[in-house]
Amino acid sequence: MRTLILLASFITIPLIVISQTDTTETTPQKIFNKDFENEMHPINEDVETIIEKKNSSKENTSDDWDTSDYEVKKLKSSDNSTEKENGVIYSSDWEDFKNEFKNIKKEMTYKKKRHSRNFAGHYASFDIGLSTIMSPNNGFSLLDNLKLLEIDLSRSLEISFNPFQQEIPINRRMGFVTGIGMTWNNYRFDNPATKLEHNKNNTNSLGISTVDTVEWKKSKLSTFKINVPLLFEVQFSNYWLEIGGFATVKLGSKNKRKTSDGDKFVEKRNYYLNPIQYGLILRTGYEDFGIYVQYALSPYFKKNTKYSQSDDIIQNMPDLYTISLGLTVAFN
């Protein structure tokens, strides 16, 4: 009797182990997290293959999706209804799956980033461009008595760093965007001998002159400003468009000159520049890359500012405005 019991045990235990092993193998594992299950669909419902995750302990997120984490396994059951309900993707070919996987990953990542609950604007960015001073009547060419203020656009660099952004979403495709940014402008004068100074004997009078005793290599007017925009943004798939206004506060300005011998001269003055400016801005692009155009509606110099050149004749400063254009790279 004892012999029969031992014999039965040796037969039953392997059968139980085999049964448990088969059950484990026929239970497929979901390969996408719950946020994306509703977007998935079977690639091929007829074949008896399944894409299964190799490492069940690794969490699926949009940041760590990788086809190398999955492998093709044969289904042991012809009834695929349970697996379909669990969000499994079927494929008859591993290469087909990898291509479909990459397309889904790209589409779902963008959808997740642009979900209506997480509307993301494009003001937070790094911008680089060119800027100049212009007259509304004469364009980039200033009056004859202001030729010393004409700017070399190709060498007048503008750099902006916009680290802070706040969105006010309307829906998942449009909303208002504001923030805080910093801008450095270098207006390179056409005439390398241009010198700016405050006239000592005349209030609100800017002296514009040249020093011919040495050979000058360059002269420029440098400014540093804080920017606060208010933009309306609309998004079309991967494309986006921002339009609105901005205000800037000037925190510093200086005239930097350099001789051909390498000697440098720097004078920090306010030069009667308008401390607060406002204007219009247009920004547009594809995904995180774009272009921008910015035009000031307020004059560059203060109201009632006068100027004089080498002849010491005091004249009223005409209204001059700044315009800039360049490239932008968004942080989101």
C-alpha atoms as a PDB file:
ATOM      1  CA  MET A   1       0.000   0.000   0.000  1.00  0.00           C
ATOM      2  CA  ARG A   2       2.787   2.431   0.964  1.00  0.00           C
ATOM      3  CA  THR A   3       4.512   1.601  -2.307  1.00  0.00           C
ATOM      4  CA  LEU A   4       1.395   2.484  -4.312  1.00  0.00           C
ATOM      5  CA  ILE A   5       1.067   5.857  -2.522  1.00  0.00           C
ATOM      6  CA  LEU A   6       4.715   6.780  -3.270  1.00  0.00           C
ATOM      7  CA  LEU A   7       4.304   5.754  -6.901  1.00  0.00           C
ATOM      8  CA  ALA A   8       1.174   7.895  -7.260  1.00  0.00           C
ATOM      9  CA  SER A   9       3.004  10.904  -5.732  1.00  0.00           C
ATOM     10  CA  PHE A  10       5.904  10.628  -8.193  1.00  0.00           C
ATOM     11  CA  ILE A  11       3.424  10.641 -11.083  1.00  0.00           C
ATOM     12  CA  THR A  12       1.158  13.462  -9.782  1.00  0.00           C
ATOM     13  CA  ILE A  13       3.824  16.041  -8.814  1.00  0.00           C
ATOM     14  CA  PRO A  14       5.389  16.349 -12.331  1.00  0.00           C
ATOM     15  CA  LEU A  15       1.909  16.689 -13.851  1.00  0.00           C
ATOM     16  CA  ILE A  16       1.088  19.581 -11.475  1.00  0.00           C
ATOM     17  CA  VAL A  17       4.377  21.321 -12.343  1.00  0.00           C
ATOM     18  CA  ILE A  18       3.809  20.897 -16.083  1.00  0.00           C
ATOM     19  CA  SER A  19       0.242  22.188 -15.716  1.00  0.00           C
ATOM     20  CA  GLN A  20       1.416  25.303 -13.858  1.00  0.00           C
ATOM     21  CA  THR A  21       4.166  25.920 -16.421  1.00  0.00           C
ATOM     22  CA  ASP A  22       1.723  25.708 -19.326  1.00  0.00           C
ATOM     23  CA  THR A  23      -0.661  28.118 -17.612  1.00  0.00           C
ATOM     24  CA  THR A  24       2.132  30.661 -17.158  1.00  0.00           C
ATOM     25  CA  GLU A  25       3.244  30.406 -20.764  1.00  0.00           C
ATOM     26  CA  THR A  26      -0.269  30.851 -22.173  1.00  0.00           C
ATOM     27  CA  THR A  27      -0.894  34.035 -20.176  1.00  0.00           C
ATOM     28  CA  PRO A  28       0.393  36.910 -22.289  1.00  0.00           C
ATOM     29  CA  GLN A  29       1.622  40.118 -20.744  1.00  0.00           C
ATOM     30  CA  LYS A  30       0.452  43.626 -21.620  1.00  0.00           C
ATOM     31  CA  ILE A  31       3.156  45.688 -23.246  1.00  0.00           C
ATOM     32  CA  PHE A  32       1.713  49.205 -22.935  1.00  0.00           C
ATOM     33  CA  ASN A  33       0.659  51.068 -19.827  1.00  0.00           C
ATOM     34  CA  LYS A  34      -2.996  51.860 -19.219  1.00  0.00           C
ATOM     35  CA  ASP A  35      -2.759  55.446 -20.503  1.00  0.00           C
ATOM     36  CA  PHE A  36      -2.211  54.140 -24.034  1.00  0.00           C
ATOM     37  CA  GLU A  37      -4.318  50.959 -24.132  1.00  0.00           C
ATOM     38  CA  ASN A  38      -7.237  52.683 -25.813  1.00  0.00           C
ATOM     39  CA  GLU A  39      -4.986  53.802 -28.677  1.00  0.00           C
ATOM     40  CA  MET A  40      -3.648  50.312 -29.473  1.00  0.00           C
ATOM     41  CA  HIS A  41      -5.002  47.880 -32.047  1.00  0.00           C
ATOM     42  CA  PRO A  42      -4.069  44.371 -33.295  1.00  0.00           C
ATOM     43  CA  ILE A  43      -1.700  44.452 -36.258  1.00  0.00           C
ATOM     44  CA  ASN A  44      -2.856  41.079 -37.497  1.00  0.00           C
ATOM     45  CA  GLU A  45      -5.658  39.184 -35.770  1.00  0.00           C
ATOM     46  CA  ASP A  46      -5.288  35.955 -37.719  1.00  0.00           C
ATOM     47  CA  VAL A  47      -1.759  34.876 -36.869  1.00  0.00           C
ATOM     48  CA  GLU A  48      -0.866  32.961 -33.741  1.00  0.00           C
ATOM     49  CA  THR A  49       2.063  35.040 -32.562  1.00  0.00           C
ATOM     50  CA  ILE A  50       2.282  37.496 -29.721  1.00  0.00           C
ATOM     51  CA  ILE A  51       4.690  40.278 -28.800  1.00  0.00           C
ATOM     52  CA  GLU A  52       5.608  39.753 -25.168  1.00  0.00           C
ATOM     53  CA  LYS A  53       7.714  41.882 -22.805  1.00  0.00           C
ATOM     54  CA  LYS A  54      10.928  40.177 -21.733  1.00  0.00           C
ATOM     55  CA  ASN A  55      11.339  41.918 -18.373  1.00  0.00           C
ATOM     56  CA  SER A  56       8.068  42.096 -16.470  1.00  0.00           C
ATOM     57  CA  SER A  57       9.609  44.242 -13.729  1.00  0.00           C
ATOM     58  CA  LYS A  58      10.337  47.173 -16.086  1.00  0.00           C
ATOM     59  CA  GLU A  59       7.578  49.747 -16.174  1.00  0.00           C
ATOM     60  CA  ASN A  60       6.302  50.889 -19.556  1.00  0.00           C
ATOM     61  CA  THR A  61       6.482  54.658 -20.062  1.00  0.00           C
ATOM     62  CA  SER A  62       6.870  56.843 -23.106  1.00  0.00           C
ATOM     63  CA  ASP A  63      10.487  57.471 -22.100  1.00  0.00           C
ATOM     64  CA  ASP A  64      11.710  53.855 -21.978  1.00  0.00           C
ATOM     65  CA  TRP A  65       9.865  52.199 -24.885  1.00  0.00           C
ATOM     66  CA  ASP A  66      12.285  50.034 -26.797  1.00  0.00           C
ATOM     67  CA  THR A  67      11.565  47.153 -29.172  1.00  0.00           C
ATOM     68  CA  SER A  68      14.558  45.314 -27.717  1.00  0.00           C
ATOM     69  CA  ASP A  69      12.488  44.786 -24.554  1.00  0.00           C
ATOM     70  CA  TYR A  70      10.032  42.542 -26.432  1.00  0.00           C
ATOM     71  CA  GLU A  71      10.108  39.229 -28.250  1.00  0.00           C
ATOM     72  CA  VAL A  72       7.793  37.156 -30.469  1.00  0.00           C
ATOM     73  CA  LYS A  73       6.198  34.091 -28.855  1.00  0.00           C
ATOM     74  CA  LYS A  74       3.777  31.518 -30.223  1.00  0.00           C
ATOM     75  CA  LEU A  75       0.316  31.349 -28.707  1.00  0.00           C
ATOM     76  CA  LYS A  76      -0.688  27.952 -27.379  1.00  0.00           C
ATOM     77  CA  SER A  77      -4.377  28.716 -27.598  1.00  0.00           C
ATOM     78  CA  SER A  78      -6.365  29.593 -30.703  1.00  0.00           C
ATOM     79  CA  ASP A  79      -8.734  31.750 -28.634  1.00  0.00           C
ATOM     80  CA  ASN A  80      -7.189  35.216 -28.677  1.00  0.00           C
ATOM     81  CA  SER A  81     -10.147  37.133 -27.240  1.00  0.00           C
ATOM     82  CA  THR A  82      -8.646  37.459 -23.736  1.00  0.00           C
ATOM     83  CA  GLU A  83      -5.350  38.766 -25.063  1.00  0.00           C
ATOM     84  CA  LYS A  84      -7.086  41.315 -27.292  1.00  0.00           C
ATOM     85  CA  GLU A  85      -9.006  42.716 -24.352  1.00  0.00           C
ATOM     86  CA  ASN A  86      -5.745  43.104 -22.405  1.00  0.00           C
ATOM     87  CA  GLY A  87      -4.238  45.391 -25.034  1.00  0.00           C
ATOM     88  CA  VAL A  88      -1.864  42.895 -26.679  1.00  0.00           C
ATOM     89  CA  ILE A  89      -0.510  43.712 -30.153  1.00  0.00           C
ATOM     90  CA  TYR A  90      -0.311  40.790 -32.583  1.00  0.00           C
ATOM     91  CA  SER A  91       2.165  40.563 -35.439  1.00  0.00           C
ATOM     92  CA  SER A  92       3.112  37.984 -38.027  1.00  0.00           C
ATOM     93  CA  ASP A  93       6.493  39.575 -38.540  1.00  0.00           C
ATOM     94  CA  TRP A  94       8.920  41.035 -35.998  1.00  0.00           C
ATOM     95  CA  GLU A  95      10.142  43.778 -38.375  1.00  0.00           C
ATOM     96  CA  ASP A  96       6.550  44.855 -39.075  1.00  0.00           C
ATOM     97  CA  PHE A  97       5.965  45.142 -35.369  1.00  0.00           C
ATOM     98  CA  LYS A  98       9.095  47.235 -34.805  1.00  0.00           C
ATOM     99  CA  ASN A  99       8.066  49.689 -37.534  1.00  0.00           C
ATOM    100  CA  GLU A 100       4.534  49.924 -36.178  1.00  0.00           C
ATOM    101  CA  PHE A 101       5.940  50.243 -32.667  1.00  0.00           C
ATOM    102  CA  LYS A 102       8.097  53.250 -33.609  1.00  0.00           C
ATOM    103  CA  ASN A 103       5.197  55.002 -35.342  1.00  0.00           C
ATOM    104  CA  ILE A 104       2.896  54.454 -32.376  1.00  0.00           C
ATOM    105  CA  LYS A 105       5.593  55.603 -29.950  1.00  0.00           C
ATOM    106  CA  LYS A 106       6.162  58.862 -31.848  1.00  0.00           C
ATOM    107  CA  GLU A 107       2.448  59.572 -32.186  1.00  0.00           C
ATOM    108  CA  MET A 108       1.572  58.688 -28.610  1.00  0.00           C
ATOM    109  CA  THR A 109       4.515  60.647 -27.168  1.00  0.00           C
ATOM    110  CA  TYR A 110       3.388  63.781 -28.973  1.00  0.00           C
ATOM    111  CA  LYS A 111      -0.239  63.213 -27.955  1.00  0.00           C
ATOM    112  CA  LYS A 112       0.781  62.774 -24.341  1.00  0.00           C
ATOM    113  CA  LYS A 113       2.855  65.974 -24.420  1.00  0.00           C
ATOM    114  CA  ARG A 114       0.057  67.938 -26.094  1.00  0.00           C
ATOM    115  CA  HIS A 115      -2.844  66.500 -24.044  1.00  0.00           C
ATOM    116  CA  SER A 116      -5.493  69.081 -23.213  1.00  0.00           C
ATOM    117  CA  ARG A 117      -4.789  68.757 -19.484  1.00  0.00           C
ATOM    118  CA  ASN A 118      -1.135  69.597 -20.135  1.00  0.00           C
ATOM    119  CA  PHE A 119      -1.281  72.297 -22.818  1.00  0.00           C
ATOM    120  CA  ALA A 120       2.340  73.331 -23.413  1.00  0.00           C
ATOM    121  CA  GLY A 121       3.272  76.649 -24.997  1.00  0.00           C
ATOM    122  CA  HIS A 122       6.490  77.468 -26.815  1.00  0.00           C
ATOM    123  CA  TYR A 123       7.679  80.697 -25.173  1.00  0.00           C
ATOM    124  CA  ALA A 124      10.170  78.961 -22.857  1.00  0.00           C
ATOM    125  CA  SER A 125      13.081  78.884 -25.271  1.00  0.00           C
ATOM    126  CA  PHE A 126      16.508  79.984 -26.390  1.00  0.00           C
ATOM    127  CA  ASP A 127      16.447  82.582 -29.186  1.00  0.00           C
ATOM    128  CA  ILE A 128      19.203  83.928 -31.398  1.00  0.00           C
ATOM    129  CA  GLY A 129      18.743  86.502 -34.128  1.00  0.00           C
ATOM    130  CA  LEU A 130      19.577  89.903 -35.585  1.00  0.00           C
ATOM    131  CA  SER A 131      18.246  93.311 -34.550  1.00  0.00           C
ATOM    132  CA  THR A 132      18.448  96.863 -35.850  1.00  0.00           C
ATOM    133  CA  ILE A 133      17.095 100.412 -35.462  1.00  0.00           C
ATOM    134  CA  MET A 134      14.853 101.835 -38.167  1.00  0.00           C
ATOM    135  CA  SER A 135      12.872 104.946 -39.029  1.00  0.00           C
ATOM    136  CA  PRO A 136       9.195 104.560 -39.984  1.00  0.00           C
ATOM    137  CA  ASN A 137       9.691 107.120 -42.783  1.00  0.00           C
ATOM    138  CA  ASN A 138      13.064 106.043 -44.175  1.00  0.00           C
ATOM    139  CA  GLY A 139      13.323 102.367 -43.218  1.00  0.00           C
ATOM    140  CA  PHE A 140      16.802 101.138 -42.363  1.00  0.00           C
ATOM    141  CA  SER A 141      18.422 104.191 -43.934  1.00  0.00           C
ATOM    142  CA  LEU A 142      18.425 107.065 -41.433  1.00  0.00           C
ATOM    143  CA  LEU A 143      18.504 110.776 -42.181  1.00  0.00           C
ATOM    144  CA  ASP A 144      21.786 112.301 -43.325  1.00  0.00           C
ATOM    145  CA  ASN A 145      22.346 113.960 -39.959  1.00  0.00           C
ATOM    146  CA  LEU A 146      21.878 110.594 -38.204  1.00  0.00           C
ATOM    147  CA  LYS A 147      24.159 108.483 -40.373  1.00  0.00           C
ATOM    148  CA  LEU A 148      26.434 107.864 -37.396  1.00  0.00           C
ATOM    149  CA  LEU A 149      23.574 105.901 -35.768  1.00  0.00           C
ATOM    150  CA  GLU A 150      23.005 103.542 -38.694  1.00  0.00           C
ATOM    151  CA  ILE A 151      23.324  99.876 -37.724  1.00  0.00           C
ATOM    152  CA  ASP A 152      25.159  97.034 -39.449  1.00  0.00           C
ATOM    153  CA  LEU A 153      22.350  94.459 -39.319  1.00  0.00           C
ATOM    154  CA  SER A 154      24.538  91.486 -40.238  1.00  0.00           C
ATOM    155  CA  ARG A 155      26.678  92.035 -37.112  1.00  0.00           C
ATOM    156  CA  SER A 156      24.008  93.144 -34.645  1.00  0.00           C
ATOM    157  CA  LEU A 157      23.361  90.016 -32.613  1.00  0.00           C
ATOM    158  CA  GLU A 158      20.373  89.443 -30.325  1.00  0.00           C
ATOM    159  CA  ILE A 159      20.316  86.596 -27.784  1.00  0.00           C
ATOM    160  CA  SER A 160      17.332  85.769 -25.572  1.00  0.00           C
ATOM    161  CA  PHE A 161      16.965  83.236 -22.780  1.00  0.00           C
ATOM    162  CA  ASN A 162      13.346  82.660 -21.704  1.00  0.00           C
ATOM    163  CA  PRO A 163      13.371  80.201 -18.774  1.00  0.00           C
ATOM    164  CA  PHE A 164       9.959  80.920 -17.207  1.00  0.00           C
ATOM    165  CA  GLN A 165       6.613  80.152 -18.827  1.00  0.00           C
ATOM    166  CA  GLN A 166       2.993  79.996 -17.675  1.00  0.00           C
ATOM    167  CA  GLU A 167       0.110  78.680 -19.769  1.00  0.00           C
ATOM    168  CA  ILE A 168      -3.604  79.480 -19.577  1.00  0.00           C
ATOM    169  CA  PRO A 169      -5.184  76.694 -21.688  1.00  0.00           C
ATOM    170  CA  ILE A 170      -8.433  77.149 -23.588  1.00  0.00           C
ATOM    171  CA  ASN A 171      -8.464  73.618 -24.961  1.00  0.00           C
ATOM    172  CA  ARG A 172      -5.877  71.055 -25.996  1.00  0.00           C
ATOM    173  CA  ARG A 173      -4.907  73.036 -29.114  1.00  0.00           C
ATOM    174  CA  MET A 174      -4.932  76.668 -28.027  1.00  0.00           C
ATOM    175  CA  GLY A 175      -4.304  78.899 -25.046  1.00  0.00           C
ATOM    176  CA  PHE A 176      -2.555  81.977 -23.701  1.00  0.00           C
ATOM    177  CA  VAL A 177       1.140  81.954 -22.797  1.00  0.00           C
ATOM    178  CA  THR A 178       3.170  84.381 -20.698  1.00  0.00           C
ATOM    179  CA  GLY A 179       6.505  84.266 -18.919  1.00  0.00           C
ATOM    180  CA  ILE A 180       9.759  86.081 -18.184  1.00  0.00           C
ATOM    181  CA  GLY A 181      12.837  86.275 -20.386  1.00  0.00           C
ATOM    182  CA  MET A 182      16.156  88.087 -20.731  1.00  0.00           C
ATOM    183  CA  THR A 183      17.567  89.684 -23.886  1.00  0.00           C
ATOM    184  CA  TRP A 184      21.061  90.912 -24.778  1.00  0.00           C
ATOM    185  CA  ASN A 185      21.347  93.242 -27.799  1.00  0.00           C
ATOM    186  CA  ASN A 186      24.519  94.370 -29.547  1.00  0.00           C
ATOM    187  CA  TYR A 187      23.815  97.113 -32.096  1.00  0.00           C
ATOM    188  CA  ARG A 188      26.940  97.342 -34.243  1.00  0.00           C
ATOM    189  CA  PHE A 189      27.327 100.788 -35.839  1.00  0.00           C
ATOM    190  CA  ASP A 190      28.190 101.053 -39.529  1.00  0.00           C
ATOM    191  CA  ASN A 191      30.771 103.670 -38.648  1.00  0.00           C
ATOM    192  CA  PRO A 192      33.373 102.062 -36.350  1.00  0.00           C
ATOM    193  CA  ALA A 193      34.308 105.497 -34.956  1.00  0.00           C
ATOM    194  CA  THR A 194      30.823 106.356 -33.628  1.00  0.00           C
ATOM    195  CA  LYS A 195      30.902 107.586 -30.049  1.00  0.00           C
ATOM    196  CA  LEU A 196      27.862 108.216 -27.807  1.00  0.00           C
ATOM    197  CA  GLU A 197      27.964 110.566 -24.830  1.00  0.00           C
ATOM    198  CA  HIS A 198      25.798 112.860 -22.743  1.00  0.00           C
ATOM    199  CA  ASN A 199      26.055 116.524 -23.656  1.00  0.00           C
ATOM    200  CA  LYS A 200      27.264 118.265 -20.523  1.00  0.00           C
ATOM    201  CA  ASN A 201      25.663 121.632 -21.265  1.00  0.00           C
ATOM    202  CA  ASN A 202      22.272 120.383 -22.512  1.00  0.00           C
ATOM    203  CA  THR A 203      19.794 118.231 -20.590  1.00  0.00           C
ATOM    204  CA  ASN A 204      18.317 115.272 -22.487  1.00  0.00           C
ATOM    205  CA  SER A 205      20.814 115.798 -25.287  1.00  0.00           C
ATOM    206  CA  LEU A 206      22.782 112.928 -26.790  1.00  0.00           C
ATOM    207  CA  GLY A 207      26.155 113.643 -28.311  1.00  0.00           C
ATOM    208  CA  ILE A 208      26.979 111.649 -31.443  1.00  0.00           C
ATOM    209  CA  SER A 209      30.507 112.123 -32.692  1.00  0.00           C
ATOM    210  CA  THR A 210      33.607 110.457 -34.096  1.00  0.00           C
ATOM    211  CA  VAL A 211      37.164 110.386 -32.812  1.00  0.00           C
ATOM    212  CA  ASP A 212      39.615 110.483 -35.700  1.00  0.00           C
ATOM    213  CA  THR A 213      42.884 110.555 -33.736  1.00  0.00           C
ATOM    214  CA  VAL A 214      43.099 106.728 -33.838  1.00  0.00           C
ATOM    215  CA  GLU A 215      41.945 103.997 -36.220  1.00  0.00           C
ATOM    216  CA  TRP A 216      38.798 102.310 -34.895  1.00  0.00           C
ATOM    217  CA  LYS A 217      37.834  98.683 -35.527  1.00  0.00           C
ATOM    218  CA  LYS A 218      34.281  98.653 -34.170  1.00  0.00           C
ATOM    219  CA  SER A 219      31.741 100.516 -32.076  1.00  0.00           C
ATOM    220  CA  LYS A 220      28.488  99.134 -30.706  1.00  0.00           C
ATOM    221  CA  LEU A 221      25.651  99.913 -28.320  1.00  0.00           C
ATOM    222  CA  SER A 222      24.925  97.021 -25.935  1.00  0.00           C
ATOM    223  CA  THR A 223      21.749  96.681 -23.847  1.00  0.00           C
ATOM    224  CA  PHE A 224      20.295  94.184 -21.391  1.00  0.00           C
ATOM    225  CA  LYS A 225      16.508  93.871 -20.933  1.00  0.00           C
ATOM    226  CA  ILE A 226      13.877  91.833 -19.082  1.00  0.00           C
ATOM    227  CA  ASN A 227      10.946  90.681 -21.254  1.00  0.00           C
ATOM    228  CA  VAL A 228       7.348  89.872 -20.329  1.00  0.00           C
ATOM    229  CA  PRO A 229       5.109  88.688 -23.216  1.00  0.00           C
ATOM    230  CA  LEU A 230       1.415  87.908 -23.503  1.00  0.00           C
ATOM    231  CA  LEU A 231       0.846  85.524 -26.407  1.00  0.00           C
ATOM    232  CA  PHE A 232      -2.045  83.625 -27.922  1.00  0.00           C
ATOM    233  CA  GLU A 233      -0.932  80.224 -29.218  1.00  0.00           C
ATOM    234  CA  VAL A 234      -2.724  77.821 -31.523  1.00  0.00           C
ATOM    235  CA  GLN A 235      -1.394  74.392 -32.526  1.00  0.00           C
ATOM    236  CA  PHE A 236      -2.047  72.411 -35.719  1.00  0.00           C
ATOM    237  CA  SER A 237      -0.718  68.873 -35.179  1.00  0.00           C
ATOM    238  CA  ASN A 238       3.047  69.459 -34.826  1.00  0.00           C
ATOM    239  CA  TYR A 239       2.881  73.070 -36.033  1.00  0.00           C
ATOM    240  CA  TRP A 240       2.313  76.032 -33.734  1.00  0.00           C
ATOM    241  CA  LEU A 241       1.747  79.779 -34.023  1.00  0.00           C
ATOM    242  CA  GLU A 242       2.076  82.476 -31.340  1.00  0.00           C
ATOM    243  CA  ILE A 243       1.026  86.093 -31.752  1.00  0.00           C
ATOM    244  CA  GLY A 244       0.729  88.841 -29.174  1.00  0.00           C
ATOM    245  CA  GLY A 245       2.508  91.662 -27.433  1.00  0.00           C
ATOM    246  CA  PHE A 246       5.507  92.192 -25.197  1.00  0.00           C
ATOM    247  CA  ALA A 247       6.924  94.688 -22.729  1.00  0.00           C
ATOM    248  CA  THR A 248      10.602  95.135 -21.855  1.00  0.00           C
ATOM    249  CA  VAL A 249      12.447  96.870 -19.038  1.00  0.00           C
ATOM    250  CA  LYS A 250      15.984  98.055 -19.803  1.00  0.00           C
ATOM    251  CA  LEU A 251      18.410  97.305 -16.978  1.00  0.00           C
ATOM    252  CA  GLY A 252      21.668  98.417 -18.574  1.00  0.00           C
ATOM    253  CA  SER A 253      23.312 100.013 -21.620  1.00  0.00           C
ATOM    254  CA  LYS A 254      26.861 100.825 -22.688  1.00  0.00           C
ATOM    255  CA  ASN A 255      28.864 102.033 -25.678  1.00  0.00           C
ATOM    256  CA  LYS A 256      31.778  99.679 -26.398  1.00  0.00           C
ATOM    257  CA  ARG A 257      34.532 100.720 -28.802  1.00  0.00           C
ATOM    258  CA  LYS A 258      37.688  98.969 -29.923  1.00  0.00           C
ATOM    259  CA  THR A 259      40.697 100.276 -31.824  1.00  0.00           C
ATOM    260  CA  SER A 260      42.668  98.437 -34.489  1.00  0.00           C
ATOM    261  CA  ASP A 261      45.449  98.016 -31.910  1.00  0.00           C
ATOM    262  CA  GLY A 262      43.092  96.125 -29.596  1.00  0.00           C
ATOM    263  CA  ASP A 263      42.499  98.912 -27.051  1.00  0.00           C
ATOM    264  CA  LYS A 264      38.979  98.850 -25.607  1.00  0.00           C
ATOM    265  CA  PHE A 265      36.836 101.694 -24.275  1.00  0.00           C
ATOM    266  CA  VAL A 266      33.554 101.084 -22.432  1.00  0.00           C
ATOM    267  CA  GLU A 267      31.225 103.805 -21.168  1.00  0.00           C
ATOM    268  CA  LYS A 268      28.079 102.896 -19.239  1.00  0.00           C
ATOM    269  CA  ARG A 269      25.314 105.494 -19.648  1.00  0.00           C
ATOM    270  CA  ASN A 270      21.586 105.468 -20.158  1.00  0.00           C
ATOM    271  CA  TYR A 271      22.020 107.410 -23.450  1.00  0.00           C
ATOM    272  CA  TYR A 272      18.424 108.604 -23.036  1.00  0.00           C
ATOM    273  CA  LEU A 273      17.130 105.206 -24.175  1.00  0.00           C
ATOM    274  CA  ASN A 274      13.515 104.477 -23.372  1.00  0.00           C
ATOM    275  CA  PRO A 275      13.600 102.357 -20.166  1.00  0.00           C
ATOM    276  CA  ILE A 276      10.280 100.664 -20.963  1.00  0.00           C
ATOM    277  CA  GLN A 277       9.336  99.467 -24.422  1.00  0.00           C
ATOM    278  CA  TYR A 278       6.389  97.540 -25.818  1.00  0.00           C
ATOM    279  CA  GLY A 279       5.500  96.051 -29.170  1.00  0.00           C
ATOM    280  CA  LEU A 280       4.250  93.109 -31.208  1.00  0.00           C
ATOM    281  CA  ILE A 281       5.723  89.642 -31.590  1.00  0.00           C
ATOM    282  CA  LEU A 282       5.086  86.713 -33.931  1.00  0.00           C
ATOM    283  CA  ARG A 283       6.529  83.236 -33.330  1.00  0.00           C
ATOM    284  CA  THR A 284       5.853  80.107 -35.365  1.00  0.00           C
ATOM    285  CA  GLY A 285       7.454  76.728 -35.895  1.00  0.00           C
ATOM    286  CA  TYR A 286       7.381  72.952 -36.103  1.00  0.00           C
ATOM    287  CA  GLU A 287       7.629  70.919 -32.879  1.00  0.00           C
ATOM    288  CA  ASP A 288      10.377  72.609 -30.811  1.00  0.00           C
ATOM    289  CA  PHE A 289      11.998  74.665 -33.595  1.00  0.00           C
ATOM    290  CA  GLY A 290      10.775  77.948 -35.031  1.00  0.00           C
ATOM    291  CA  ILE A 291      11.349  81.543 -36.087  1.00  0.00           C
ATOM    292  CA  TYR A 292      10.310  84.858 -34.561  1.00  0.00           C
ATOM    293  CA  VAL A 293       9.798  88.489 -35.594  1.00  0.00           C
ATOM    294  CA  GLN A 294       9.528  91.306 -33.040  1.00  0.00           C
ATOM    295  CA  TYR A 295       8.719  94.987 -33.661  1.00  0.00           C
ATOM    296  CA  ALA A 296       8.672  97.725 -31.040  1.00  0.00           C
ATOM    297  CA  LEU A 297       5.772 100.199 -31.103  1.00  0.00           C
ATOM    298  CA  SER A 298       7.426 102.559 -28.628  1.00  0.00           C
ATOM    299  CA  PRO A 299      10.364 104.808 -29.662  1.00  0.00           C
ATOM    300  CA  TYR A 300      13.883 103.644 -28.849  1.00  0.00           C
ATOM    301  CA  PHE A 301      14.856 106.999 -27.324  1.00  0.00           C
ATOM    302  CA  LYS A 302      12.959 108.912 -24.660  1.00  0.00           C
ATOM    303  CA  LYS A 303      10.422 111.530 -25.608  1.00  0.00           C
ATOM    304  CA  ASN A 304      11.884 115.039 -26.049  1.00  0.00           C
ATOM    305  CA  THR A 305      15.401 113.661 -26.441  1.00  0.00           C
ATOM    306  CA  LYS A 306      17.692 115.907 -28.473  1.00  0.00           C
ATOM    307  CA  TYR A 307      20.981 115.188 -30.153  1.00  0.00           C
ATOM    308  CA  SER A 308      23.971 116.978 -31.582  1.00  0.00           C
ATOM    309  CA  GLN A 309      26.887 115.996 -33.765  1.00  0.00           C
ATOM    310  CA  SER A 310      30.288 117.538 -34.277  1.00  0.00           C
ATOM    311  CA  ASP A 311      28.752 120.872 -35.317  1.00  0.00           C
ATOM    312  CA  ASP A 312      27.116 121.173 -31.848  1.00  0.00           C
ATOM    313  CA  ILE A 313      23.752 122.068 -33.381  1.00  0.00           C
ATOM    314  CA  ILE A 314      20.967 120.785 -31.085  1.00  0.00           C
ATOM    315  CA  GLN A 315      18.165 118.964 -32.910  1.00  0.00           C
ATOM    316  CA  ASN A 316      15.121 116.941 -31.913  1.00  0.00           C
ATOM    317  CA  MET A 317      15.637 113.192 -32.012  1.00  0.00           C
ATOM    318  CA  PRO A 318      13.187 111.605 -34.487  1.00  0.00           C
ATOM    319  CA  ASP A 319      11.223 108.532 -33.498  1.00  0.00           C
ATOM    320  CA  LEU A 320      13.320 105.427 -34.120  1.00  0.00           C
ATOM    321  CA  TYR A 321      12.118 101.861 -33.550  1.00  0.00           C
ATOM    322  CA  THR A 322      13.758  98.467 -33.133  1.00  0.00           C
ATOM    323  CA  ILE A 323      12.957  95.331 -35.120  1.00  0.00           C
ATOM    324  CA  SER A 324      14.446  91.860 -34.734  1.00  0.00           C
ATOM    325  CA  LEU A 325      14.097  88.424 -36.296  1.00  0.00           C
ATOM    326  CA  GLY A 326      15.717  85.094 -35.624  1.00  0.00           C
ATOM    327  CA  LEU A 327      15.512  81.418 -34.667  1.00  0.00           C
ATOM    328  CA  THR A 328      14.020  79.874 -31.541  1.00  0.00           C
ATOM    329  CA  VAL A 329      14.404  76.473 -29.844  1.00  0.00           C
ATOM    330  CA  ALA A 330      11.683  75.641 -27.303  1.00  0.00           C
ATOM    331  CA  PHE A 331      12.509  73.747 -24.095  1.00  0.00           C
ATOM    332  CA  ASN A 332       9.379  71.530 -23.898  1.00  0.00           C
END
